[in-house]
Protein backbone atom coordinates (compact mmCIF):
# COMPACT_ATOMS: atom_id res chain seq x y z
CA MET A 1 -17.59 -19.42 -15.92
CA LYS A 2 -18.11 -19.59 -12.15
CA ALA A 3 -20.61 -22.43 -12.52
CA LEU A 4 -18.10 -24.49 -14.51
CA THR A 5 -15.39 -23.88 -11.93
CA HIS A 6 -17.79 -24.97 -9.17
CA ARG A 7 -18.49 -28.22 -10.99
CA CYS A 8 -14.77 -28.96 -11.11
CA VAL A 9 -14.61 -28.76 -7.32
CA ASP A 10 -18.00 -30.24 -6.49
CA ARG A 11 -17.67 -33.47 -8.43
CA PRO A 12 -20.34 -36.17 -8.29
CA SER A 13 -19.84 -39.17 -6.02
CA ARG A 14 -18.48 -42.40 -7.45
CA ILE A 15 -21.02 -45.17 -8.06
CA ALA A 16 -18.69 -47.92 -9.30
CA ASN A 17 -17.41 -50.35 -6.67
CA ASN A 18 -15.50 -53.61 -6.45
CA ALA A 19 -18.58 -55.65 -5.56
CA MET A 20 -20.05 -55.04 -9.01
CA LYS A 21 -19.57 -57.58 -11.76
CA PRO A 22 -17.47 -56.44 -14.75
CA LEU A 23 -20.34 -55.17 -16.93
CA ALA A 24 -21.98 -53.23 -14.10
CA ARG A 25 -18.67 -51.78 -12.90
CA THR A 26 -17.74 -50.62 -16.41
CA VAL A 27 -21.15 -49.06 -16.99
CA ALA A 28 -21.04 -47.36 -13.59
CA SER A 29 -17.61 -45.91 -14.34
CA PHE A 30 -18.84 -44.54 -17.66
CA CYS A 31 -21.98 -43.06 -16.11
CA GLY A 32 -20.01 -41.46 -13.30
CA THR A 33 -17.75 -39.81 -15.87
CA LEU A 34 -20.67 -38.74 -18.02
CA ALA A 35 -22.35 -37.13 -15.00
CA ARG A 36 -19.48 -34.64 -14.73
CA VAL A 37 -20.17 -33.23 -18.20
CA PRO A 38 -22.15 -29.94 -18.12
CA ASP A 39 -25.38 -29.33 -19.99
CA SER A 40 -25.28 -27.97 -23.53
CA ASP A 41 -27.79 -25.76 -25.31
CA GLY A 42 -26.20 -26.11 -28.71
CA PRO A 43 -24.21 -28.47 -30.95
CA PHE A 44 -21.05 -27.93 -28.89
CA ILE A 45 -20.22 -27.80 -25.21
CA ARG A 46 -17.60 -25.31 -24.02
CA LEU A 47 -15.67 -26.43 -20.96
CA SER A 48 -13.03 -24.84 -18.77
CA GLU A 49 -10.33 -27.29 -17.75
CA CYS A 50 -9.99 -27.76 -14.02
CA GLY A 51 -6.96 -25.86 -12.76
CA MET A 52 -6.25 -24.33 -16.17
CA GLY A 53 -7.34 -21.11 -17.82
CA SER A 54 -7.94 -22.43 -21.34
CA ASP A 55 -11.25 -23.52 -22.85
CA GLN A 56 -12.02 -26.77 -24.62
CA ILE A 57 -14.79 -27.63 -27.06
CA MET A 58 -16.47 -30.98 -26.53
CA PRO A 59 -18.38 -32.23 -29.60
CA SER A 60 -22.00 -33.17 -29.05
CA GLU A 61 -21.18 -36.55 -30.61
CA LEU A 62 -20.19 -37.64 -27.10
CA TYR A 63 -23.85 -37.47 -26.17
CA GLU A 64 -24.66 -39.67 -29.15
CA GLN A 65 -22.02 -42.14 -27.98
CA ALA A 66 -23.76 -42.33 -24.63
CA ILE A 67 -27.08 -42.98 -26.35
CA GLN A 68 -25.43 -45.71 -28.41
CA ILE A 69 -24.20 -47.41 -25.23
CA ARG A 70 -27.74 -47.47 -23.93
CA ARG A 71 -28.91 -48.99 -27.21
CA HIS A 72 -26.17 -51.61 -27.14
CA LEU A 73 -27.21 -52.62 -23.62
CA ALA A 74 -30.87 -52.79 -24.65
CA HIS A 75 -30.05 -54.89 -27.71
CA LEU A 76 -27.93 -57.28 -25.64
CA GLY A 77 -30.76 -57.70 -23.16
CA ALA A 78 -33.23 -58.36 -26.00
CA ARG A 79 -30.93 -61.01 -27.49
CA ILE A 80 -30.71 -62.80 -24.17
CA ASP A 81 -34.49 -62.59 -23.72
CA ARG A 82 -35.03 -64.24 -27.09
CA ALA A 83 -32.49 -66.95 -26.35
CA ARG A 84 -34.23 -67.77 -23.05
CA ASP A 85 -37.77 -67.62 -24.39
CA GLY A 86 -39.98 -70.02 -22.45
CA THR A 87 -37.30 -71.07 -19.95
CA VAL A 88 -37.47 -68.20 -17.43
CA THR A 89 -39.16 -69.18 -14.18
CA THR A 90 -41.64 -67.00 -12.32
CA THR A 91 -39.07 -66.39 -9.59
CA GLN A 92 -36.46 -65.34 -12.13
CA LEU A 93 -39.00 -63.00 -13.70
CA ALA A 94 -39.66 -61.43 -10.29
CA LEU A 95 -35.91 -61.06 -9.80
CA GLN A 96 -35.66 -59.33 -13.19
CA HIS A 97 -38.15 -56.70 -12.02
CA LEU A 98 -36.26 -56.33 -8.74
CA GLN A 99 -32.93 -55.91 -10.56
CA LEU A 100 -34.37 -53.14 -12.69
CA GLU A 101 -35.71 -51.30 -9.64
CA TYR A 102 -32.39 -51.71 -7.82
CA ARG A 103 -30.45 -50.16 -10.72
CA ASN A 104 -33.10 -47.47 -11.02
CA LEU A 105 -32.39 -46.42 -7.43
CA GLN A 106 -28.65 -46.36 -8.11
CA GLY A 107 -29.18 -44.42 -11.34
CA LEU A 108 -31.04 -41.76 -9.41
CA MET A 109 -27.91 -41.16 -7.31
CA ILE A 110 -25.58 -40.69 -10.29
CA GLY A 111 -24.26 -37.15 -10.16
CA VAL A 112 -25.12 -36.51 -6.50
CA PRO A 113 -22.14 -34.88 -4.70
CA GLU A 114 -20.97 -36.31 -1.39
CA ARG A 115 -21.73 -33.03 0.42
CA LEU A 116 -25.48 -33.59 -0.03
CA LEU A 117 -25.51 -37.00 1.65
CA ASP A 118 -25.51 -35.62 5.20
CA LEU A 119 -27.16 -32.26 4.56
CA HIS A 120 -30.00 -31.93 7.08
CA LEU A 121 -32.96 -29.87 5.95
CA GLU A 122 -35.22 -28.43 8.63
CA THR A 123 -38.27 -29.48 6.64
CA GLU A 124 -37.18 -33.13 6.32
CA ARG A 125 -37.02 -35.96 8.84
CA ARG A 126 -34.04 -37.72 7.29
CA THR A 127 -30.90 -36.93 5.37
CA VAL A 128 -30.20 -38.37 1.90
CA ARG A 129 -27.83 -40.91 3.47
CA GLN A 130 -30.41 -42.04 6.01
CA LEU A 131 -33.15 -42.41 3.44
CA LEU A 132 -30.84 -44.27 1.06
CA GLN A 133 -29.87 -46.64 3.88
CA VAL A 134 -33.51 -47.42 4.56
CA ALA A 135 -34.17 -47.97 0.86
CA LEU A 136 -31.22 -50.32 0.41
CA ALA A 137 -31.64 -52.19 3.67
CA GLY A 138 -35.28 -53.00 3.04
CA PRO A 139 -37.97 -53.26 5.71
CA ARG A 140 -37.09 -55.24 8.82
CA THR A 141 -39.26 -58.15 7.66
CA HIS A 142 -37.03 -58.52 4.58
CA ALA A 143 -33.83 -58.05 6.56
CA THR A 144 -34.50 -61.02 8.85
CA MET A 145 -36.89 -63.18 6.89
CA GLN A 146 -36.23 -66.63 5.54
CA ILE A 147 -37.30 -65.82 2.01
CA SER A 148 -38.03 -69.45 1.23
CA VAL A 149 -38.49 -72.46 3.46
CA MET A 150 -35.84 -74.10 1.26
CA SER A 151 -33.19 -71.40 1.62
CA THR A 152 -31.06 -69.82 4.31
CA PRO A 153 -32.03 -66.44 5.72
CA ILE A 154 -30.92 -63.43 3.70
CA CYS A 155 -29.49 -60.45 5.52
CA PHE A 156 -29.56 -56.96 4.04
CA HIS A 157 -26.68 -55.05 5.63
CA ARG A 158 -27.53 -51.53 6.64
CA ALA A 159 -24.99 -49.20 5.07
CA SER A 160 -22.46 -47.74 7.46
CA PRO A 161 -21.14 -44.18 7.24
CA GLY A 162 -18.85 -43.69 4.28
CA THR A 163 -18.81 -42.59 0.67
CA LEU A 164 -21.64 -43.30 -1.72
CA SER A 165 -19.48 -45.93 -3.40
CA THR A 166 -19.04 -47.67 -0.05
CA ILE A 167 -22.77 -47.63 0.61
CA PHE A 168 -23.48 -49.23 -2.75
CA GLU A 169 -20.67 -51.76 -2.38
CA ARG A 170 -22.24 -53.11 0.78
CA SER A 171 -25.72 -53.18 -0.73
CA GLU A 172 -24.42 -54.79 -3.94
CA LEU A 173 -23.06 -57.74 -1.96
CA ALA A 174 -26.34 -58.23 -0.10
CA HIS A 175 -28.45 -57.79 -3.23
CA ARG A 176 -26.39 -60.28 -5.21
CA SER A 177 -26.53 -62.74 -2.31
CA LEU A 178 -30.31 -62.57 -2.42
CA VAL A 179 -30.47 -63.09 -6.19
CA GLU A 180 -28.03 -65.99 -6.19
CA SER A 181 -29.73 -67.77 -3.28
CA ILE A 182 -33.21 -67.98 -4.84
CA ARG A 183 -32.72 -67.70 -8.61
CA ASP A 184 -32.95 -71.49 -8.97
CA THR A 185 -36.19 -71.86 -7.00
CA PRO A 186 -38.20 -74.63 -8.78
CA ASP A 187 -41.04 -73.25 -10.85
CA ARG A 188 -43.60 -75.84 -9.81
CA MET A 189 -46.48 -73.47 -10.59
CA ARG A 190 -45.89 -74.19 -14.29
CA GLU A 191 -45.92 -77.94 -13.90
CA PRO A 192 -49.20 -79.46 -15.20
CA ASN A 193 -49.76 -81.72 -12.18
CA HIS A 194 -48.57 -79.41 -9.42
CA THR A 195 -50.45 -79.27 -6.14
CA ARG A 196 -51.21 -76.17 -4.12
CA GLY A 197 -48.64 -77.18 -1.54
CA SER A 198 -45.88 -77.81 -4.06
CA SER A 199 -46.19 -74.30 -5.50
CA LEU A 200 -46.42 -72.54 -2.16
CA ASP A 201 -42.67 -71.87 -1.92
CA ALA A 202 -42.57 -70.07 -5.25
CA LEU A 203 -45.65 -68.03 -4.35
CA ILE A 204 -44.09 -66.91 -1.07
CA VAL A 205 -40.78 -66.01 -2.72
CA ASN A 206 -42.43 -64.05 -5.52
CA ALA A 207 -44.76 -62.17 -3.18
CA ARG A 208 -41.85 -61.10 -0.99
CA LEU A 209 -39.77 -60.09 -4.00
CA ASN A 210 -42.64 -57.96 -5.27
CA ASN A 211 -42.93 -56.30 -1.86
CA LEU A 212 -39.21 -55.54 -1.87
CA ARG A 213 -39.45 -54.12 -5.38
CA GLU A 214 -42.26 -51.80 -4.28
CA HIS A 215 -40.18 -50.81 -1.26
CA LEU A 216 -37.31 -49.74 -3.52
CA ARG A 217 -39.65 -47.91 -5.90
CA ASN A 218 -41.45 -45.97 -3.17
CA HIS A 219 -38.25 -44.91 -1.48
CA GLY A 220 -36.80 -43.96 -4.84
CA VAL A 221 -39.64 -41.49 -5.32
CA GLU A 222 -39.10 -40.11 -1.81
CA LEU A 223 -35.36 -39.87 -2.41
CA SER A 224 -35.89 -37.96 -5.67
CA LEU A 225 -38.02 -35.39 -3.86
CA LEU A 226 -35.48 -35.07 -1.05
CA LEU A 227 -32.61 -34.49 -3.48
CA LYS A 228 -34.61 -31.81 -5.24
CA ALA A 229 -35.36 -30.11 -1.92
CA ALA A 230 -31.64 -30.24 -1.11
CA GLY A 231 -30.91 -28.24 -4.26
CA HIS A 232 -29.62 -31.04 -6.47
CA ARG A 233 -30.16 -30.22 -10.15
CA ARG A 234 -30.04 -33.21 -12.47
CA THR A 235 -28.36 -32.23 -15.72
CA VAL A 236 -29.05 -33.81 -19.10
CA PRO A 237 -25.90 -36.00 -18.81
CA MET A 238 -27.05 -37.20 -15.38
CA ARG A 239 -30.48 -38.10 -16.72
CA LEU A 240 -28.91 -39.90 -19.65
CA ALA A 241 -26.64 -41.81 -17.27
CA HIS A 242 -29.75 -42.83 -15.31
CA ARG A 243 -31.34 -44.22 -18.47
CA ILE A 244 -28.17 -46.20 -19.19
CA PHE A 245 -28.40 -47.70 -15.70
CA LEU A 246 -31.97 -48.77 -16.42
CA ALA A 247 -30.77 -50.55 -19.57
CA LEU A 248 -28.06 -52.19 -17.46
CA GLY A 249 -30.71 -53.47 -15.05
CA GLU A 250 -32.73 -54.94 -17.90
CA THR A 251 -29.70 -56.72 -19.35
CA GLU A 252 -28.59 -58.07 -15.98
CA GLY A 253 -32.13 -59.20 -15.24
CA ALA A 254 -32.34 -61.10 -18.51
CA MET A 255 -29.29 -63.16 -17.47
CA ILE A 256 -30.52 -64.12 -14.00
CA GLY A 257 -30.47 -67.90 -13.70
CA ALA A 258 -28.34 -68.36 -16.81
CA GLU A 259 -25.34 -66.11 -16.19
CA SER A 260 -22.78 -68.71 -17.22
CA ARG A 261 -24.35 -68.93 -20.67
CA PHE A 262 -24.34 -65.22 -21.43
CA GLU A 263 -21.65 -63.39 -19.43
CA SER A 264 -19.10 -64.00 -22.20
CA MET A 265 -21.38 -62.08 -24.58
CA CYS A 266 -20.81 -58.96 -22.46
CA GLN A 267 -17.06 -58.68 -23.02
CA PRO A 268 -17.13 -56.83 -26.39
CA LEU A 269 -19.53 -54.28 -24.90
CA ILE A 270 -17.38 -53.94 -21.78
CA ASP A 271 -14.37 -53.14 -23.98
CA LEU A 272 -16.35 -50.58 -26.00
CA ILE A 273 -17.66 -48.82 -22.90
CA ALA A 274 -14.15 -48.65 -21.42
CA VAL A 275 -12.94 -46.85 -24.54
CA ARG A 276 -15.87 -44.44 -24.45
CA THR A 277 -15.20 -43.73 -20.77
CA ASN A 278 -11.67 -42.59 -21.58
CA GLU A 279 -12.96 -40.38 -24.38
CA VAL A 280 -15.57 -38.68 -22.21
CA GLY A 281 -13.05 -38.33 -19.37
CA ARG A 282 -10.91 -35.97 -21.43
CA TYR A 283 -13.65 -33.34 -21.24
CA CYS A 284 -14.31 -33.44 -17.49
């Protein structure tokens, strides 16, 4: 019972923020709520209400509901992929991969309590906050580069001290600015009569996007190891929430370059997830 009481006090940080678009914000809210649910070894989960002495039984069907949300996101992404078959540019494809890696990094942080952000381990050079800042800011070459000779420079803002939600709100704005500024880069490499010079812009953009994606991936691995060393134990609900965030990244990526065509398709799913969030919230 002590462990359950501790979880009531040591709640995970919020991931949702106002910079997110409606689908992402709704998914983040659900995942943040799900992350507060303890592990279960059987068909039911017994919980102690925070501040109350009584027990509650949470049916394992709530886990199935979470799995269904992941499936709904995956199906939506697949529908959009099919609708855009043959029209996605190479730059948009590179942005899809980047979007997935960005959400993967955020998904890793679901369930991490604020107290771990600034915990300094003697065996580590950086805190979780510092490493996350480096991961989200990108290398200095990305922070100051002009990603395309046709676009304005993109600035990745280094996260200032604050909550995890604040860190991600700042990075969300910078990340979305990057996506929106280059998603319409002409795909001259696919044109039958293109010259080497005419396709150079797309090659430069894609190469830099791939480098940024690798940067996020490598720091995600390092961050995972640091969190483990700091004593963070990822529960089954946290891991499931991470998988939902990956599905979110895939769906968002599928829409890049054609958001106006498909964002209305997200509303029924947004409404469903909001209902499920309230249901899960009753057991936290």
